[in-house]
Amino acid sequence: MEVNDRITFLRNQKGLTVNKLANLAGISQSFLREIELGNKKPTIETLSLVCNALDISLKDFFDDSFKSNLQKNELQQEIFRLTPEQTELLTKFLKSLHE
């Protein structure tokens, strides 16, 4: 999984918007968006800021077992591709199964 995809996945897992994560990391929303789209590559310093905002260490971010676990689960692969709106609808649906 590429750095940009991993950031997007983790941001979605935390339920954060691009704007919220950018604010927490102290970087611009447009820059974060460009990183997530794969148009820009973050420096280690920027990635460290993003990881801190996501409450994950750089070590865990790059951990191969973390990467392997994400890649092994096809459902997770599909979930991280969802838009925030689709993620919200899926979450509501899954919660309704427990009611």
PDB file of N, CA and C in Angstrom:
ATOM      1  N   MET A   1       0.851  -1.166   0.000  1.00  0.00           N
ATOM      2  CA  MET A   1       0.000   0.000   0.000  1.00  0.00           C
ATOM      3  C   MET A   1       0.901   1.234   0.000  1.00  0.00           C
ATOM      4  N   GLU A   2       0.615   2.149  -0.874  1.00  0.00           N
ATOM      5  CA  GLU A   2       1.397   3.378  -0.992  1.00  0.00           C
ATOM      6  C   GLU A   2       1.128   4.310   0.193  1.00  0.00           C
ATOM      7  N   VAL A   3       2.047   5.229   0.416  1.00  0.00           N
ATOM      8  CA  VAL A   3       1.927   6.175   1.532  1.00  0.00           C
ATOM      9  C   VAL A   3       0.607   6.938   1.446  1.00  0.00           C
ATOM     10  N   ASN A   4       0.262   7.424   0.255  1.00  0.00           N
ATOM     11  CA  ASN A   4      -0.968   8.204   0.117  1.00  0.00           C
ATOM     12  C   ASN A   4      -2.204   7.375   0.456  1.00  0.00           C
ATOM     13  N   ASP A   5      -2.233   6.125   0.003  1.00  0.00           N
ATOM     14  CA  ASP A   5      -3.377   5.254   0.308  1.00  0.00           C
ATOM     15  C   ASP A   5      -3.452   4.941   1.801  1.00  0.00           C
ATOM     16  N   ARG A   6      -2.297   4.762   2.410  1.00  0.00           N
ATOM     17  CA  ARG A   6      -2.266   4.449   3.836  1.00  0.00           C
ATOM     18  C   ARG A   6      -2.783   5.641   4.646  1.00  0.00           C
ATOM     19  N   ILE A   7      -2.383   6.849   4.270  1.00  0.00           N
ATOM     20  CA  ILE A   7      -2.873   8.047   4.967  1.00  0.00           C
ATOM     21  C   ILE A   7      -4.393   8.138   4.840  1.00  0.00           C
ATOM     22  N   THR A   8      -4.886   7.945   3.629  1.00  0.00           N
ATOM     23  CA  THR A   8      -6.331   8.014   3.402  1.00  0.00           C
ATOM     24  C   THR A   8      -7.064   6.952   4.220  1.00  0.00           C
ATOM     25  N   PHE A   9      -6.539   5.742   4.210  1.00  0.00           N
ATOM     26  CA  PHE A   9      -7.156   4.657   4.968  1.00  0.00           C
ATOM     27  C   PHE A   9      -7.206   4.992   6.454  1.00  0.00           C
ATOM     28  N   LEU A  10      -6.074   5.414   7.008  1.00  0.00           N
ATOM     29  CA  LEU A  10      -6.015   5.715   8.442  1.00  0.00           C
ATOM     30  C   LEU A  10      -6.904   6.906   8.800  1.00  0.00           C
ATOM     31  N   ARG A  11      -6.941   7.895   7.931  1.00  0.00           N
ATOM     32  CA  ARG A  11      -7.803   9.062   8.176  1.00  0.00           C
ATOM     33  C   ARG A  11      -9.257   8.622   8.229  1.00  0.00           C
ATOM     34  N   ASN A  12      -9.641   7.788   7.273  1.00  0.00           N
ATOM     35  CA  ASN A  12     -11.023   7.296   7.260  1.00  0.00           C
ATOM     36  C   ASN A  12     -11.319   6.425   8.471  1.00  0.00           C
ATOM     37  N   GLN A  13     -10.350   5.605   8.884  1.00  0.00           N
ATOM     38  CA  GLN A  13     -10.532   4.767  10.067  1.00  0.00           C
ATOM     39  C   GLN A  13     -10.769   5.611  11.309  1.00  0.00           C
ATOM     40  N   LYS A  14     -10.128   6.769  11.378  1.00  0.00           N
ATOM     41  CA  LYS A  14     -10.284   7.674  12.524  1.00  0.00           C
ATOM     42  C   LYS A  14     -11.522   8.554  12.385  1.00  0.00           C
ATOM     43  N   GLY A  15     -12.193   8.476  11.247  1.00  0.00           N
ATOM     44  CA  GLY A  15     -13.390   9.287  11.034  1.00  0.00           C
ATOM     45  C   GLY A  15     -13.089  10.762  10.847  1.00  0.00           C
ATOM     46  N   LEU A  16     -11.928  11.055  10.284  1.00  0.00           N
ATOM     47  CA  LEU A  16     -11.521  12.447  10.108  1.00  0.00           C
ATOM     48  C   LEU A  16     -11.700  12.893   8.660  1.00  0.00           C
ATOM     49  N   THR A  17     -12.063  14.141   8.491  1.00  0.00           N
ATOM     50  CA  THR A  17     -12.084  14.726   7.156  1.00  0.00           C
ATOM     51  C   THR A  17     -10.664  15.152   6.800  1.00  0.00           C
ATOM     52  N   VAL A  18     -10.447  15.439   5.532  1.00  0.00           N
ATOM     53  CA  VAL A  18      -9.139  15.956   5.110  1.00  0.00           C
ATOM     54  C   VAL A  18      -8.848  17.247   5.856  1.00  0.00           C
ATOM     55  N   ASN A  19      -9.845  18.111   5.950  1.00  0.00           N
ATOM     56  CA  ASN A  19      -9.669  19.389   6.628  1.00  0.00           C
ATOM     57  C   ASN A  19      -9.291  19.207   8.097  1.00  0.00           C
ATOM     58  N   LYS A  20      -9.970  18.307   8.790  1.00  0.00           N
ATOM     59  CA  LYS A  20      -9.695  18.076  10.214  1.00  0.00           C
ATOM     60  C   LYS A  20      -8.291  17.519  10.415  1.00  0.00           C
ATOM     61  N   LEU A  21      -7.909  16.531   9.610  1.00  0.00           N
ATOM     62  CA  LEU A  21      -6.572  15.960   9.743  1.00  0.00           C
ATOM     63  C   LEU A  21      -5.504  17.004   9.417  1.00  0.00           C
ATOM     64  N   ALA A  22      -5.732  17.784   8.390  1.00  0.00           N
ATOM     65  CA  ALA A  22      -4.770  18.833   8.028  1.00  0.00           C
ATOM     66  C   ALA A  22      -4.605  19.819   9.178  1.00  0.00           C
ATOM     67  N   ASN A  23      -5.713  20.212   9.778  1.00  0.00           N
ATOM     68  CA  ASN A  23      -5.652  21.136  10.923  1.00  0.00           C
ATOM     69  C   ASN A  23      -4.901  20.512  12.098  1.00  0.00           C
ATOM     70  N   LEU A  24      -5.183  19.252  12.395  1.00  0.00           N
ATOM     71  CA  LEU A  24      -4.504  18.569  13.495  1.00  0.00           C
ATOM     72  C   LEU A  24      -3.000  18.440  13.233  1.00  0.00           C
ATOM     73  N   ALA A  25      -2.638  18.241  11.966  1.00  0.00           N
ATOM     74  CA  ALA A  25      -1.236  18.066  11.597  1.00  0.00           C
ATOM     75  C   ALA A  25      -0.512  19.394  11.389  1.00  0.00           C
ATOM     76  N   GLY A  26      -1.282  20.475  11.265  1.00  0.00           N
ATOM     77  CA  GLY A  26      -0.662  21.779  11.040  1.00  0.00           C
ATOM     78  C   GLY A  26      -0.176  21.982   9.616  1.00  0.00           C
ATOM     79  N   ILE A  27      -0.868  21.341   8.670  1.00  0.00           N
ATOM     80  CA  ILE A  27      -0.531  21.529   7.258  1.00  0.00           C
ATOM     81  C   ILE A  27      -1.785  21.982   6.528  1.00  0.00           C
ATOM     82  N   SER A  28      -1.626  22.459   5.304  1.00  0.00           N
ATOM     83  CA  SER A  28      -2.789  22.954   4.574  1.00  0.00           C
ATOM     84  C   SER A  28      -3.635  21.794   4.055  1.00  0.00           C
ATOM     85  N   GLN A  29      -4.927  22.062   3.969  1.00  0.00           N
ATOM     86  CA  GLN A  29      -5.858  21.060   3.472  1.00  0.00           C
ATOM     87  C   GLN A  29      -5.515  20.699   2.028  1.00  0.00           C
ATOM     88  N   SER A  30      -5.175  21.687   1.218  1.00  0.00           N
ATOM     89  CA  SER A  30      -4.876  21.414  -0.186  1.00  0.00           C
ATOM     90  C   SER A  30      -3.626  20.548  -0.330  1.00  0.00           C
ATOM     91  N   PHE A  31      -2.637  20.776   0.518  1.00  0.00           N
ATOM     92  CA  PHE A  31      -1.421  19.968   0.469  1.00  0.00           C
ATOM     93  C   PHE A  31      -1.716  18.521   0.858  1.00  0.00           C
ATOM     94  N   LEU A  32      -2.490  18.322   1.925  1.00  0.00           N
ATOM     95  CA  LEU A  32      -2.856  16.972   2.337  1.00  0.00           C
ATOM     96  C   LEU A  32      -3.650  16.277   1.238  1.00  0.00           C
ATOM     97  N   ARG A  33      -4.545  16.998   0.620  1.00  0.00           N
ATOM     98  CA  ARG A  33      -5.357  16.415  -0.460  1.00  0.00           C
ATOM     99  C   ARG A  33      -4.460  15.961  -1.608  1.00  0.00           C
ATOM    100  N   GLU A  34      -3.484  16.790  -1.965  1.00  0.00           N
ATOM    101  CA  GLU A  34      -2.553  16.439  -3.032  1.00  0.00           C
ATOM    102  C   GLU A  34      -1.730  15.200  -2.662  1.00  0.00           C
ATOM    103  N   ILE A  35      -1.370  15.085  -1.388  1.00  0.00           N
ATOM    104  CA  ILE A  35      -0.651  13.894  -0.917  1.00  0.00           C
ATOM    105  C   ILE A  35      -1.544  12.669  -1.060  1.00  0.00           C
ATOM    106  N   GLU A  36      -2.786  12.769  -0.595  1.00  0.00           N
ATOM    107  CA  GLU A  36      -3.708  11.633  -0.659  1.00  0.00           C
ATOM    108  C   GLU A  36      -4.008  11.217  -2.092  1.00  0.00           C
ATOM    109  N   LEU A  37      -4.042  12.169  -2.985  1.00  0.00           N
ATOM    110  CA  LEU A  37      -4.291  11.853  -4.394  1.00  0.00           C
ATOM    111  C   LEU A  37      -3.051  11.295  -5.084  1.00  0.00           C
ATOM    112  N   GLY A  38      -1.913  11.343  -4.399  1.00  0.00           N
ATOM    113  CA  GLY A  38      -0.678  10.832  -4.975  1.00  0.00           C
ATOM    114  C   GLY A  38       0.041  11.825  -5.865  1.00  0.00           C
ATOM    115  N   ASN A  39      -0.416  13.075  -5.849  1.00  0.00           N
ATOM    116  CA  ASN A  39       0.202  14.107  -6.682  1.00  0.00           C
ATOM    117  C   ASN A  39       1.447  14.716  -6.043  1.00  0.00           C
ATOM    118  N   LYS A  40       1.556  14.600  -4.729  1.00  0.00           N
ATOM    119  CA  LYS A  40       2.721  15.111  -3.997  1.00  0.00           C
ATOM    120  C   LYS A  40       3.184  14.050  -3.019  1.00  0.00           C
ATOM    121  N   LYS A  41       4.472  14.060  -2.742  1.00  0.00           N
ATOM    122  CA  LYS A  41       5.061  13.132  -1.778  1.00  0.00           C
ATOM    123  C   LYS A  41       5.398  13.905  -0.511  1.00  0.00           C
ATOM    124  N   PRO A  42       4.977  13.402   0.655  1.00  0.00           N
ATOM    125  CA  PRO A  42       5.290  14.112   1.896  1.00  0.00           C
ATOM    126  C   PRO A  42       6.749  13.907   2.296  1.00  0.00           C
ATOM    127  N   THR A  43       7.324  14.911   2.919  1.00  0.00           N
ATOM    128  CA  THR A  43       8.643  14.744   3.522  1.00  0.00           C
ATOM    129  C   THR A  43       8.461  13.914   4.792  1.00  0.00           C
ATOM    130  N   ILE A  44       9.555  13.433   5.353  1.00  0.00           N
ATOM    131  CA  ILE A  44       9.475  12.692   6.614  1.00  0.00           C
ATOM    132  C   ILE A  44       8.896  13.604   7.693  1.00  0.00           C
ATOM    133  N   GLU A  45       9.270  14.881   7.674  1.00  0.00           N
ATOM    134  CA  GLU A  45       8.740  15.831   8.661  1.00  0.00           C
ATOM    135  C   GLU A  45       7.225  15.954   8.537  1.00  0.00           C
ATOM    136  N   THR A  46       6.729  16.106   7.317  1.00  0.00           N
ATOM    137  CA  THR A  46       5.285  16.210   7.095  1.00  0.00           C
ATOM    138  C   THR A  46       4.593  14.910   7.487  1.00  0.00           C
ATOM    139  N   LEU A  47       5.180  13.789   7.101  1.00  0.00           N
ATOM    140  CA  LEU A  47       4.592  12.505   7.450  1.00  0.00           C
ATOM    141  C   LEU A  47       4.555  12.310   8.960  1.00  0.00           C
ATOM    142  N   SER A  48       5.576  12.779   9.641  1.00  0.00           N
ATOM    143  CA  SER A  48       5.608  12.710  11.103  1.00  0.00           C
ATOM    144  C   SER A  48       4.466  13.523  11.707  1.00  0.00           C
ATOM    145  N   LEU A  49       4.212  14.702  11.159  1.00  0.00           N
ATOM    146  CA  LEU A  49       3.097  15.536  11.632  1.00  0.00           C
ATOM    147  C   LEU A  49       1.765  14.824  11.417  1.00  0.00           C
ATOM    148  N   VAL A  50       1.604  14.208  10.251  1.00  0.00           N
ATOM    149  CA  VAL A  50       0.367  13.489   9.937  1.00  0.00           C
ATOM    150  C   VAL A  50       0.211  12.286  10.864  1.00  0.00           C
ATOM    151  N   CYS A  51       1.291  11.544  11.070  1.00  0.00           N
ATOM    152  CA  CYS A  51       1.236  10.384  11.964  1.00  0.00           C
ATOM    153  C   CYS A  51       0.875  10.800  13.386  1.00  0.00           C
ATOM    154  N   ASN A  52       1.469  11.882  13.860  1.00  0.00           N
ATOM    155  CA  ASN A  52       1.126  12.378  15.197  1.00  0.00           C
ATOM    156  C   ASN A  52      -0.355  12.722  15.282  1.00  0.00           C
ATOM    157  N   ALA A  53      -0.872  13.368  14.245  1.00  0.00           N
ATOM    158  CA  ALA A  53      -2.286  13.740  14.222  1.00  0.00           C
ATOM    159  C   ALA A  53      -3.185  12.501  14.188  1.00  0.00           C
ATOM    160  N   LEU A  54      -2.697  11.429  13.561  1.00  0.00           N
ATOM    161  CA  LEU A  54      -3.453  10.173  13.492  1.00  0.00           C
ATOM    162  C   LEU A  54      -3.217   9.285  14.708  1.00  0.00           C
ATOM    163  N   ASP A  55      -2.339   9.731  15.593  1.00  0.00           N
ATOM    164  CA  ASP A  55      -1.995   8.983  16.805  1.00  0.00           C
ATOM    165  C   ASP A  55      -1.389   7.617  16.462  1.00  0.00           C
ATOM    166  N   ILE A  56      -0.437   7.635  15.522  1.00  0.00           N
ATOM    167  CA  ILE A  56       0.286   6.433  15.122  1.00  0.00           C
ATOM    168  C   ILE A  56       1.756   6.809  14.967  1.00  0.00           C
ATOM    169  N   SER A  57       2.634   5.915  15.334  1.00  0.00           N
ATOM    170  CA  SER A  57       4.068   6.199  15.205  1.00  0.00           C
ATOM    171  C   SER A  57       4.500   6.003  13.752  1.00  0.00           C
ATOM    172  N   LEU A  58       5.606   6.638  13.397  1.00  0.00           N
ATOM    173  CA  LEU A  58       6.175   6.414  12.065  1.00  0.00           C
ATOM    174  C   LEU A  58       6.548   4.944  11.882  1.00  0.00           C
ATOM    175  N   LYS A  59       7.032   4.336  12.946  1.00  0.00           N
ATOM    176  CA  LYS A  59       7.390   2.917  12.889  1.00  0.00           C
ATOM    177  C   LYS A  59       6.181   2.075  12.507  1.00  0.00           C
ATOM    178  N   ASP A  60       5.062   2.294  13.196  1.00  0.00           N
ATOM    179  CA  ASP A  60       3.852   1.536  12.884  1.00  0.00           C
ATOM    180  C   ASP A  60       3.335   1.862  11.488  1.00  0.00           C
ATOM    181  N   PHE A  61       3.485   3.107  11.088  1.00  0.00           N
ATOM    182  CA  PHE A  61       3.024   3.521   9.762  1.00  0.00           C
ATOM    183  C   PHE A  61       3.719   2.709   8.672  1.00  0.00           C
ATOM    184  N   PHE A  62       5.016   2.462   8.864  1.00  0.00           N
ATOM    185  CA  PHE A  62       5.791   1.736   7.860  1.00  0.00           C
ATOM    186  C   PHE A  62       5.972   0.255   8.164  1.00  0.00           C
ATOM    187  N   ASP A  63       5.400  -0.223   9.246  1.00  0.00           N
ATOM    188  CA  ASP A  63       5.548  -1.615   9.662  1.00  0.00           C
ATOM    189  C   ASP A  63       4.994  -2.547   8.585  1.00  0.00           C
ATOM    190  N   ASP A  64       5.836  -3.467   8.116  1.00  0.00           N
ATOM    191  CA  ASP A  64       5.406  -4.393   7.068  1.00  0.00           C
ATOM    192  C   ASP A  64       4.257  -5.282   7.497  1.00  0.00           C
ATOM    193  N   SER A  65       4.223  -5.671   8.774  1.00  0.00           N
ATOM    194  CA  SER A  65       3.109  -6.509   9.223  1.00  0.00           C
ATOM    195  C   SER A  65       1.802  -5.718   9.197  1.00  0.00           C
ATOM    196  N   PHE A  66       1.895  -4.426   9.521  1.00  0.00           N
ATOM    197  CA  PHE A  66       0.714  -3.563   9.433  1.00  0.00           C
ATOM    198  C   PHE A  66       0.245  -3.517   7.980  1.00  0.00           C
ATOM    199  N   LYS A  67       1.195  -3.318   7.088  1.00  0.00           N
ATOM    200  CA  LYS A  67       0.885  -3.261   5.658  1.00  0.00           C
ATOM    201  C   LYS A  67       0.304  -4.588   5.193  1.00  0.00           C
ATOM    202  N   SER A  68       0.912  -5.696   5.598  1.00  0.00           N
ATOM    203  CA  SER A  68       0.440  -7.018   5.185  1.00  0.00           C
ATOM    204  C   SER A  68      -0.975  -7.280   5.680  1.00  0.00           C
ATOM    205  N   ASN A  69      -1.230  -6.910   6.916  1.00  0.00           N
ATOM    206  CA  ASN A  69      -2.568  -7.120   7.471  1.00  0.00           C
ATOM    207  C   ASN A  69      -3.615  -6.339   6.690  1.00  0.00           C
ATOM    208  N   LEU A  70      -3.264  -5.133   6.278  1.00  0.00           N
ATOM    209  CA  LEU A  70      -4.212  -4.337   5.505  1.00  0.00           C
ATOM    210  C   LEU A  70      -4.439  -4.933   4.126  1.00  0.00           C
ATOM    211  N   GLN A  71      -3.369  -5.410   3.520  1.00  0.00           N
ATOM    212  CA  GLN A  71      -3.494  -5.948   2.173  1.00  0.00           C
ATOM    213  C   GLN A  71      -4.186  -7.297   2.148  1.00  0.00           C
ATOM    214  N   LYS A  72      -4.096  -8.067   3.214  1.00  0.00           N
ATOM    215  CA  LYS A  72      -4.705  -9.394   3.250  1.00  0.00           C
ATOM    216  C   LYS A  72      -6.222  -9.331   3.340  1.00  0.00           C
ATOM    217  N   ASN A  73      -6.727  -8.265   3.865  1.00  0.00           N
ATOM    218  CA  ASN A  73      -8.154  -8.186   4.085  1.00  0.00           C
ATOM    219  C   ASN A  73      -8.817  -7.435   2.931  1.00  0.00           C
ATOM    220  N   GLU A  74      -9.419  -8.186   2.033  1.00  0.00           N
ATOM    221  CA  GLU A  74     -10.027  -7.586   0.843  1.00  0.00           C
ATOM    222  C   GLU A  74     -11.125  -6.594   1.198  1.00  0.00           C
ATOM    223  N   LEU A  75     -11.864  -6.890   2.229  1.00  0.00           N
ATOM    224  CA  LEU A  75     -12.928  -5.985   2.644  1.00  0.00           C
ATOM    225  C   LEU A  75     -12.357  -4.637   3.044  1.00  0.00           C
ATOM    226  N   GLN A  76     -11.267  -4.641   3.795  1.00  0.00           N
ATOM    227  CA  GLN A  76     -10.636  -3.382   4.176  1.00  0.00           C
ATOM    228  C   GLN A  76     -10.156  -2.629   2.960  1.00  0.00           C
ATOM    229  N   GLN A  77      -9.653  -3.344   1.965  1.00  0.00           N
ATOM    230  CA  GLN A  77      -9.205  -2.696   0.734  1.00  0.00           C
ATOM    231  C   GLN A  77     -10.367  -1.931   0.079  1.00  0.00           C
ATOM    232  N   GLU A  78     -11.522  -2.552   0.061  1.00  0.00           N
ATOM    233  CA  GLU A  78     -12.686  -1.896  -0.544  1.00  0.00           C
ATOM    234  C   GLU A  78     -13.178  -0.732   0.310  1.00  0.00           C
ATOM    235  N   ILE A  79     -13.146  -0.905   1.610  1.00  0.00           N
ATOM    236  CA  ILE A  79     -13.628   0.143   2.511  1.00  0.00           C
ATOM    237  C   ILE A  79     -12.799   1.409   2.383  1.00  0.00           C
ATOM    238  N   PHE A  80     -11.476   1.279   2.282  1.00  0.00           N
ATOM    239  CA  PHE A  80     -10.658   2.495   2.233  1.00  0.00           C
ATOM    240  C   PHE A  80     -10.852   3.263   0.943  1.00  0.00           C
ATOM    241  N   ARG A  81     -11.459   2.645  -0.062  1.00  0.00           N
ATOM    242  CA  ARG A  81     -11.731   3.329  -1.328  1.00  0.00           C
ATOM    243  C   ARG A  81     -13.049   4.112  -1.289  1.00  0.00           C
ATOM    244  N   LEU A  82     -13.848   3.882  -0.257  1.00  0.00           N
ATOM    245  CA  LEU A  82     -15.139   4.563  -0.153  1.00  0.00           C
ATOM    246  C   LEU A  82     -14.963   6.048   0.123  1.00  0.00           C
ATOM    247  N   THR A  83     -15.911   6.808  -0.361  1.00  0.00           N
ATOM    248  CA  THR A  83     -15.944   8.228  -0.029  1.00  0.00           C
ATOM    249  C   THR A  83     -16.397   8.352   1.426  1.00  0.00           C
ATOM    250  N   PRO A  84     -16.173   9.507   2.044  1.00  0.00           N
ATOM    251  CA  PRO A  84     -16.663   9.680   3.420  1.00  0.00           C
ATOM    252  C   PRO A  84     -18.170   9.433   3.541  1.00  0.00           C
ATOM    253  N   GLU A  85     -18.921   9.847   2.547  1.00  0.00           N
ATOM    254  CA  GLU A  85     -20.366   9.640   2.578  1.00  0.00           C
ATOM    255  C   GLU A  85     -20.701   8.154   2.512  1.00  0.00           C
ATOM    256  N   GLN A  86     -20.004   7.416   1.645  1.00  0.00           N
ATOM    257  CA  GLN A  86     -20.230   5.987   1.536  1.00  0.00           C
ATOM    258  C   GLN A  86     -19.822   5.268   2.824  1.00  0.00           C
ATOM    259  N   THR A  87     -18.722   5.722   3.427  1.00  0.00           N
ATOM    260  CA  THR A  87     -18.268   5.135   4.690  1.00  0.00           C
ATOM    261  C   THR A  87     -19.308   5.337   5.772  1.00  0.00           C
ATOM    262  N   GLU A  88     -19.888   6.528   5.818  1.00  0.00           N
ATOM    263  CA  GLU A  88     -20.926   6.815   6.816  1.00  0.00           C
ATOM    264  C   GLU A  88     -22.144   5.929   6.598  1.00  0.00           C
ATOM    265  N   LEU A  89     -22.563   5.756   5.355  1.00  0.00           N
ATOM    266  CA  LEU A  89     -23.711   4.898   5.059  1.00  0.00           C
ATOM    267  C   LEU A  89     -23.417   3.439   5.420  1.00  0.00           C
ATOM    268  N   LEU A  90     -22.218   2.979   5.112  1.00  0.00           N
ATOM    269  CA  LEU A  90     -21.844   1.614   5.462  1.00  0.00           C
ATOM    270  C   LEU A  90     -21.836   1.422   6.970  1.00  0.00           C
ATOM    271  N   THR A  91     -21.311   2.396   7.688  1.00  0.00           N
ATOM    272  CA  THR A  91     -21.274   2.321   9.154  1.00  0.00           C
ATOM    273  C   THR A  91     -22.693   2.240   9.718  1.00  0.00           C
ATOM    274  N   LYS A  92     -23.584   3.071   9.208  1.00  0.00           N
ATOM    275  CA  LYS A  92     -24.981   3.041   9.670  1.00  0.00           C
ATOM    276  C   LYS A  92     -25.617   1.678   9.381  1.00  0.00           C
ATOM    277  N   PHE A  93     -25.345   1.161   8.197  1.00  0.00           N
ATOM    278  CA  PHE A  93     -25.890  -0.157   7.828  1.00  0.00           C
ATOM    279  C   PHE A  93     -25.376  -1.237   8.781  1.00  0.00           C
ATOM    280  N   LEU A  94     -24.070  -1.249   9.014  1.00  0.00           N
ATOM    281  CA  LEU A  94     -23.489  -2.275   9.882  1.00  0.00           C
ATOM    282  C   LEU A  94     -24.039  -2.169  11.305  1.00  0.00           C
ATOM    283  N   LYS A  95     -24.211  -0.953  11.801  1.00  0.00           N
ATOM    284  CA  LYS A  95     -24.768  -0.769  13.137  1.00  0.00           C
ATOM    285  C   LYS A  95     -26.205  -1.254  13.200  1.00  0.00           C
ATOM    286  N   SER A  96     -26.943  -1.093  12.097  1.00  0.00           N
ATOM    287  CA  SER A  96     -28.345  -1.534  12.079  1.00  0.00           C
ATOM    288  C   SER A  96     -28.452  -3.052  12.177  1.00  0.00           C
ATOM    289  N   LEU A  97     -27.413  -3.773  11.799  1.00  0.00           N
ATOM    290  CA  LEU A  97     -27.435  -5.225  11.884  1.00  0.00           C
ATOM    291  C   LEU A  97     -27.392  -5.710  13.330  1.00  0.00           C
ATOM    292  N   HIS A  98     -26.904  -4.856  14.216  1.00  0.00           N
ATOM    293  CA  HIS A  98     -26.790  -5.220  15.629  1.00  0.00           C
ATOM    294  C   HIS A  98     -27.994  -4.801  16.453  1.00  0.00           C
ATOM    295  N   GLU A  99     -28.944  -4.151  15.829  1.00  0.00           N
ATOM    296  CA  GLU A  99     -30.122  -3.655  16.576  1.00  0.00           C
ATOM    297  C   GLU A  99     -31.179  -4.699  16.692  1.00  0.00           C
TER     298      GLU A  99
END
